Amino acid sequence: MEDIFGQGIVLGMLATGLRLATPYLLAALGEMFTQRSVFIIWVWKVLC
């Protein structure tokens, strides 16, 4: 019986961690694409 409750607690902690980390992961992903697009625009201006 204790094992079922222990697994529920671990699963709940993982779900909470994922829920709290999602905004930071999306912000980092957006920043990565923004920096890459700025670099591509800069290269396009330099070459053309």
N, C-alpha and C. Protein backbone atom coordinates (compact mmCIF):
# COMPACT_ATOMS: atom_id res chain seq x y z
N MET A 1 0.81 -1.20 0.00
CA MET A 1 0.00 0.00 0.00
C MET A 1 0.86 1.26 0.00
N GLU A 2 1.97 1.24 0.74
CA GLU A 2 2.85 2.41 0.78
C GLU A 2 3.48 2.68 -0.58
N ASP A 3 3.73 1.62 -1.33
CA ASP A 3 4.38 1.78 -2.64
C ASP A 3 3.48 2.56 -3.61
N ILE A 4 2.18 2.33 -3.53
CA ILE A 4 1.24 3.05 -4.41
C ILE A 4 1.27 4.54 -4.08
N PHE A 5 1.26 4.88 -2.80
CA PHE A 5 1.30 6.29 -2.41
C PHE A 5 2.63 6.92 -2.76
N GLY A 6 3.72 6.18 -2.62
CA GLY A 6 5.04 6.69 -2.97
C GLY A 6 5.16 7.00 -4.44
N GLN A 7 4.62 6.14 -5.28
CA GLN A 7 4.65 6.37 -6.71
C GLN A 7 3.79 7.58 -7.08
N GLY A 8 2.67 7.75 -6.39
CA GLY A 8 1.82 8.90 -6.66
C GLY A 8 2.49 10.21 -6.31
N ILE A 9 3.25 10.20 -5.22
CA ILE A 9 3.96 11.42 -4.81
C ILE A 9 5.05 11.75 -5.82
N VAL A 10 5.80 10.75 -6.24
CA VAL A 10 6.87 10.98 -7.22
C VAL A 10 6.28 11.46 -8.54
N LEU A 11 5.20 10.84 -8.98
CA LEU A 11 4.56 11.25 -10.23
C LEU A 11 4.01 12.67 -10.12
N GLY A 12 3.44 13.01 -8.98
CA GLY A 12 2.94 14.36 -8.76
C GLY A 12 4.05 15.40 -8.77
N MET A 13 5.19 15.06 -8.18
CA MET A 13 6.33 15.99 -8.17
C MET A 13 6.87 16.19 -9.58
N LEU A 14 6.95 15.13 -10.36
CA LEU A 14 7.42 15.25 -11.74
C LEU A 14 6.45 16.10 -12.57
N ALA A 15 5.16 15.88 -12.38
CA ALA A 15 4.17 16.66 -13.13
C ALA A 15 4.23 18.13 -12.75
N THR A 16 4.41 18.41 -11.46
CA THR A 16 4.51 19.80 -11.00
C THR A 16 5.78 20.45 -11.54
N GLY A 17 6.88 19.73 -11.53
CA GLY A 17 8.12 20.27 -12.07
C GLY A 17 8.00 20.59 -13.55
N LEU A 18 7.36 19.71 -14.30
CA LEU A 18 7.15 19.95 -15.73
C LEU A 18 6.25 21.15 -15.94
N ARG A 19 5.20 21.26 -15.13
CA ARG A 19 4.27 22.38 -15.28
C ARG A 19 4.95 23.70 -14.95
N LEU A 20 5.81 23.72 -13.96
CA LEU A 20 6.51 24.95 -13.59
C LEU A 20 7.63 25.29 -14.55
N ALA A 21 8.24 24.29 -15.18
CA ALA A 21 9.37 24.54 -16.08
C ALA A 21 8.93 24.90 -17.50
N THR A 22 7.70 24.60 -17.87
CA THR A 22 7.25 24.83 -19.25
C THR A 22 7.38 26.27 -19.70
N PRO A 23 6.97 27.28 -18.93
CA PRO A 23 7.14 28.66 -19.41
C PRO A 23 8.59 29.03 -19.67
N TYR A 24 9.49 28.57 -18.82
CA TYR A 24 10.91 28.87 -19.00
C TYR A 24 11.46 28.17 -20.24
N LEU A 25 11.02 26.94 -20.47
CA LEU A 25 11.47 26.22 -21.67
C LEU A 25 10.97 26.89 -22.94
N LEU A 26 9.71 27.35 -22.93
CA LEU A 26 9.17 28.03 -24.11
C LEU A 26 9.85 29.37 -24.33
N ALA A 27 10.16 30.08 -23.26
CA ALA A 27 10.86 31.36 -23.40
C ALA A 27 12.26 31.15 -23.97
N ALA A 28 12.96 30.13 -23.50
CA ALA A 28 14.30 29.84 -24.01
C ALA A 28 14.24 29.43 -25.48
N LEU A 29 13.23 28.66 -25.85
CA LEU A 29 13.08 28.25 -27.25
C LEU A 29 12.79 29.46 -28.13
N GLY A 30 11.94 30.36 -27.69
CA GLY A 30 11.65 31.56 -28.44
C GLY A 30 12.87 32.45 -28.59
N GLU A 31 13.66 32.57 -27.54
CA GLU A 31 14.89 33.36 -27.59
C GLU A 31 15.87 32.76 -28.59
N MET A 32 15.95 31.45 -28.63
CA MET A 32 16.86 30.79 -29.57
C MET A 32 16.47 31.10 -31.01
N PHE A 33 15.18 31.02 -31.32
CA PHE A 33 14.73 31.31 -32.68
C PHE A 33 14.90 32.79 -33.02
N THR A 34 14.70 33.67 -32.05
CA THR A 34 14.87 35.10 -32.28
C THR A 34 16.32 35.42 -32.60
N GLN A 35 17.26 34.89 -31.83
CA GLN A 35 18.67 35.14 -32.09
C GLN A 35 19.09 34.58 -33.44
N ARG A 36 18.59 33.42 -33.78
CA ARG A 36 18.95 32.82 -35.07
C ARG A 36 18.41 33.66 -36.22
N SER A 37 17.17 34.15 -36.10
CA SER A 37 16.61 34.95 -37.20
C SER A 37 17.33 36.29 -37.33
N VAL A 38 17.73 36.89 -36.21
CA VAL A 38 18.48 38.14 -36.27
C VAL A 38 19.82 37.92 -36.96
N PHE A 39 20.48 36.82 -36.68
CA PHE A 39 21.75 36.50 -37.33
C PHE A 39 21.56 36.30 -38.83
N ILE A 40 20.49 35.61 -39.22
CA ILE A 40 20.23 35.38 -40.64
C ILE A 40 19.95 36.71 -41.35
N ILE A 41 19.19 37.59 -40.72
CA ILE A 41 18.91 38.91 -41.31
C ILE A 41 20.20 39.70 -41.45
N TRP A 42 21.06 39.65 -40.44
CA TRP A 42 22.33 40.38 -40.48
C TRP A 42 23.21 39.86 -41.63
N VAL A 43 23.30 38.54 -41.77
CA VAL A 43 24.10 37.96 -42.85
C VAL A 43 23.51 38.36 -44.20
N TRP A 44 22.21 38.37 -44.32
CA TRP A 44 21.56 38.74 -45.58
C TRP A 44 21.90 40.19 -45.95
N LYS A 45 21.90 41.09 -44.95
CA LYS A 45 22.23 42.48 -45.20
C LYS A 45 23.69 42.65 -45.58
N VAL A 46 24.58 41.89 -44.98
CA VAL A 46 26.00 42.00 -45.26
C VAL A 46 26.30 41.47 -46.67
N LEU A 47 25.68 40.40 -47.07
CA LEU A 47 25.96 39.78 -48.35
C LEU A 47 25.28 40.51 -49.51
N CYS A 48 24.17 41.17 -49.26
CA CYS A 48 23.43 41.78 -50.36
C CYS A 48 23.54 43.27 -50.40
